[in-house]
Amino acid sequence: MPKKFMKRYLPSPEKVKDMKSLHFLGDILHEPNLWHINRHSVARAFLVGIWFCFIPMPFQMVAAAFFAIWFNANLPLSVVLVWISNPITMPPLFYFNYKIGALALNRPVLDFDFELSWSWISHRLVDIGVPLYLGSLIVATICACLAYLVIQYLWRRKIRSDWHIRQSERCKRRRSSDQTS
């Protein structure tokens, strides 16, 4: 069952509540819905975590945690999913986002010629930043919505499958008990 798999890898609510660095949040972390592993909280966690993993910004995990609290999503899962964009995956992800943004704005894709100077940054910030953020918003929204729908579908499919297995086992037990009677 997905619930058992997730409980195995996510930290327990007690472990997170005991972290001294999070005591400034007060009673917010005591909200049980932030820790439940059910179809709705997990799907919302995927929505939040995957959306923020595609947005180039500092402190993505903090933003994901804030929105997980706001949407009543599973908090640890929302924060963990942000790490899809890590230092190894960021360059290809954000370059893809930039290309999508340039395509949406009907701009040519600029060659990569980085120079660490204030004049380069101020000149290229608009040329690269606008397509990057537009592409990031497009890709983040599409991927997050798809992840939400896929989690909903897979969770329902697993529950339906388990229900059919239980039904067939009940039928087998009834038949065997009827035959022995």
Protein backbone atom coordinates (compact mmCIF):
# COMPACT_ATOMS: atom_id res chain seq x y z
CA MET A 1 0.00 0.00 0.00
CA PRO A 2 1.36 3.51 -0.76
CA LYS A 3 0.75 4.61 2.83
CA LYS A 4 3.16 2.03 4.27
CA PHE A 5 5.82 2.88 1.70
CA MET A 6 5.62 6.59 2.48
CA LYS A 7 5.60 6.13 6.26
CA ARG A 8 8.80 4.15 5.96
CA TYR A 9 10.73 7.04 4.36
CA LEU A 10 9.14 10.20 5.77
CA PRO A 11 10.10 11.54 9.21
CA SER A 12 7.57 11.09 11.98
CA PRO A 13 5.64 14.13 13.23
CA GLU A 14 7.27 13.76 16.64
CA LYS A 15 10.75 13.87 15.11
CA VAL A 16 9.98 17.08 13.21
CA LYS A 17 8.20 18.70 16.17
CA ASP A 18 11.26 18.05 18.35
CA MET A 19 13.57 19.99 16.02
CA LYS A 20 14.60 23.11 17.88
CA SER A 21 15.01 25.09 14.66
CA LEU A 22 11.28 24.74 13.98
CA HIS A 23 9.96 25.81 17.39
CA PHE A 24 9.28 29.33 16.09
CA LEU A 25 6.31 27.88 14.17
CA GLY A 26 4.51 27.09 17.42
CA ASP A 27 1.35 25.02 17.18
CA ILE A 28 1.21 25.03 13.37
CA LEU A 29 3.21 21.80 13.30
CA HIS A 30 0.68 20.15 15.64
CA GLU A 31 -1.99 20.25 12.92
CA PRO A 32 -2.63 16.54 12.22
CA ASN A 33 -3.60 17.07 8.58
CA LEU A 34 -0.03 18.11 7.78
CA TRP A 35 1.14 14.61 8.72
CA HIS A 36 -1.65 12.40 7.39
CA ILE A 37 -0.83 10.14 4.52
CA ASN A 38 -3.98 9.86 2.50
CA ARG A 39 -4.88 10.35 -1.14
CA HIS A 40 -5.76 14.02 -0.81
CA SER A 41 -2.84 15.18 1.34
CA VAL A 42 -0.29 13.27 -0.74
CA ALA A 43 -1.72 14.52 -4.03
CA ARG A 44 -1.65 18.11 -2.74
CA ALA A 45 1.92 17.56 -1.52
CA PHE A 46 2.94 16.50 -5.02
CA LEU A 47 1.16 19.54 -6.43
CA VAL A 48 3.01 21.92 -4.11
CA GLY A 49 6.42 20.23 -4.10
CA ILE A 50 6.67 19.68 -7.82
CA TRP A 51 5.43 23.19 -8.60
CA PHE A 52 8.15 24.75 -6.46
CA CYS A 53 10.88 22.46 -7.75
CA PHE A 54 10.50 24.03 -11.21
CA ILE A 55 10.59 27.65 -10.00
CA PRO A 56 14.10 29.17 -9.87
CA MET A 57 14.12 30.94 -6.53
CA PRO A 58 16.04 30.84 -3.29
CA PHE A 59 14.52 28.99 -0.34
CA GLN A 60 12.24 26.76 -2.38
CA MET A 61 11.78 24.44 0.59
CA VAL A 62 10.52 27.27 2.80
CA ALA A 63 8.01 28.34 0.17
CA ALA A 64 6.88 24.74 -0.33
CA ALA A 65 6.46 24.31 3.44
CA PHE A 66 4.40 27.51 3.67
CA PHE A 67 2.10 26.44 0.83
CA ALA A 68 1.85 22.89 2.20
CA ILE A 69 0.57 24.36 5.45
CA TRP A 70 -1.80 26.65 3.56
CA PHE A 71 -3.21 23.86 1.35
CA ASN A 72 -3.23 21.24 4.14
CA ALA A 73 -0.85 19.04 2.17
CA ASN A 74 1.55 16.52 3.65
CA LEU A 75 4.33 18.79 4.90
CA PRO A 76 7.38 16.48 4.80
CA LEU A 77 6.52 15.17 1.36
CA SER A 78 6.03 18.68 -0.06
CA VAL A 79 9.44 19.74 1.19
CA VAL A 80 11.19 16.57 0.03
CA LEU A 81 9.76 16.83 -3.50
CA VAL A 82 11.40 20.22 -3.96
CA TRP A 83 14.72 18.35 -4.09
CA ILE A 84 13.87 17.08 -7.56
CA SER A 85 15.65 20.27 -8.56
CA ASN A 86 19.02 19.79 -6.92
CA PRO A 87 22.43 21.11 -7.98
CA ILE A 88 22.77 18.28 -10.51
CA THR A 89 19.32 18.58 -12.11
CA MET A 90 18.93 22.37 -11.98
CA PRO A 91 20.90 23.26 -15.13
CA PRO A 92 18.96 20.98 -17.49
CA LEU A 93 15.61 21.75 -15.81
CA PHE A 94 16.04 25.49 -15.93
CA TYR A 95 17.50 25.45 -19.44
CA PHE A 96 14.44 23.50 -20.58
CA ASN A 97 12.22 26.05 -18.80
CA TYR A 98 14.11 28.86 -20.54
CA LYS A 99 13.60 27.22 -23.94
CA ILE A 100 9.87 26.81 -23.28
CA GLY A 101 9.63 30.46 -22.20
CA ALA A 102 11.53 31.65 -25.26
CA LEU A 103 9.25 29.56 -27.45
CA ALA A 104 6.15 30.99 -25.73
CA LEU A 105 7.45 34.55 -26.19
CA ASN A 106 8.54 33.80 -29.76
CA ARG A 107 12.12 34.81 -28.97
CA PRO A 108 15.28 33.14 -30.19
CA VAL A 109 17.13 30.94 -27.72
CA LEU A 110 20.33 32.77 -26.75
CA ASP A 111 23.69 31.03 -26.71
CA PHE A 112 25.21 30.32 -23.34
CA ASP A 113 28.06 32.79 -22.83
CA PHE A 114 28.30 33.51 -19.12
CA GLU A 115 30.52 36.29 -17.82
CA LEU A 116 30.74 37.11 -14.13
CA SER A 117 30.35 40.87 -14.30
CA TRP A 118 27.70 43.36 -13.31
CA SER A 119 27.29 44.65 -16.87
CA TRP A 120 26.65 41.14 -18.23
CA ILE A 121 24.15 40.37 -15.46
CA SER A 122 22.27 43.66 -15.89
CA HIS A 123 22.22 43.33 -19.67
CA ARG A 124 21.25 39.65 -19.84
CA LEU A 125 18.89 39.56 -16.85
CA VAL A 126 15.87 40.66 -18.87
CA ASP A 127 16.88 38.69 -21.97
CA ILE A 128 17.20 35.47 -20.01
CA GLY A 129 15.10 36.10 -16.90
CA VAL A 130 11.73 36.78 -18.54
CA PRO A 131 11.71 33.64 -20.71
CA LEU A 132 13.15 31.59 -17.83
CA TYR A 133 10.42 32.58 -15.39
CA LEU A 134 7.61 32.35 -17.92
CA GLY A 135 8.81 28.91 -18.99
CA SER A 136 9.21 27.91 -15.36
CA LEU A 137 5.63 28.93 -14.59
CA ILE A 138 4.33 27.02 -17.61
CA VAL A 139 6.33 23.85 -16.93
CA ALA A 140 5.70 23.99 -13.16
CA THR A 141 1.96 24.33 -13.60
CA ILE A 142 1.69 21.53 -16.16
CA CYS A 143 3.95 19.12 -14.26
CA ALA A 144 2.34 19.84 -10.88
CA CYS A 145 -1.18 19.35 -12.22
CA LEU A 146 -0.15 16.15 -13.97
CA ALA A 147 1.50 14.86 -10.79
CA TYR A 148 -1.64 15.65 -8.80
CA LEU A 149 -3.85 13.79 -11.26
CA VAL A 150 -1.46 10.82 -11.55
CA ILE A 151 -1.26 10.43 -7.75
CA GLN A 152 -5.05 10.58 -7.49
CA TYR A 153 -5.40 7.97 -10.24
CA LEU A 154 -2.71 5.60 -8.91
CA TRP A 155 -4.02 5.80 -5.36
CA ARG A 156 -7.57 5.02 -6.47
CA ARG A 157 -6.32 2.18 -8.68
CA LYS A 158 -4.40 0.66 -5.77
CA ILE A 159 -7.42 0.89 -3.47
CA ARG A 160 -9.67 -0.64 -6.15
CA SER A 161 -7.15 -3.45 -6.71
CA ASP A 162 -6.90 -4.17 -2.97
CA TRP A 163 -10.69 -4.18 -2.71
CA HIS A 164 -10.99 -6.70 -5.57
CA ILE A 165 -8.36 -8.93 -3.95
CA ARG A 166 -10.24 -8.84 -0.64
CA GLN A 167 -13.51 -9.59 -2.43
CA SER A 168 -12.03 -12.60 -4.22
CA GLU A 169 -10.53 -13.89 -0.95
CA ARG A 170 -13.94 -13.57 0.75
CA CYS A 171 -15.57 -15.48 -2.10
CA LYS A 172 -12.96 -18.23 -1.84
CA ARG A 173 -13.47 -18.49 1.93
CA ARG A 174 -17.26 -18.65 1.46
CA ARG A 175 -16.93 -21.38 -1.14
CA SER A 176 -14.56 -23.39 1.01
CA SER A 177 -16.81 -23.00 4.07
CA ASP A 178 -19.86 -23.95 1.97
CA GLN A 179 -18.11 -27.06 0.70
CA THR A 180 -17.07 -28.15 4.17
CA SER A 181 -20.63 -27.73 5.52
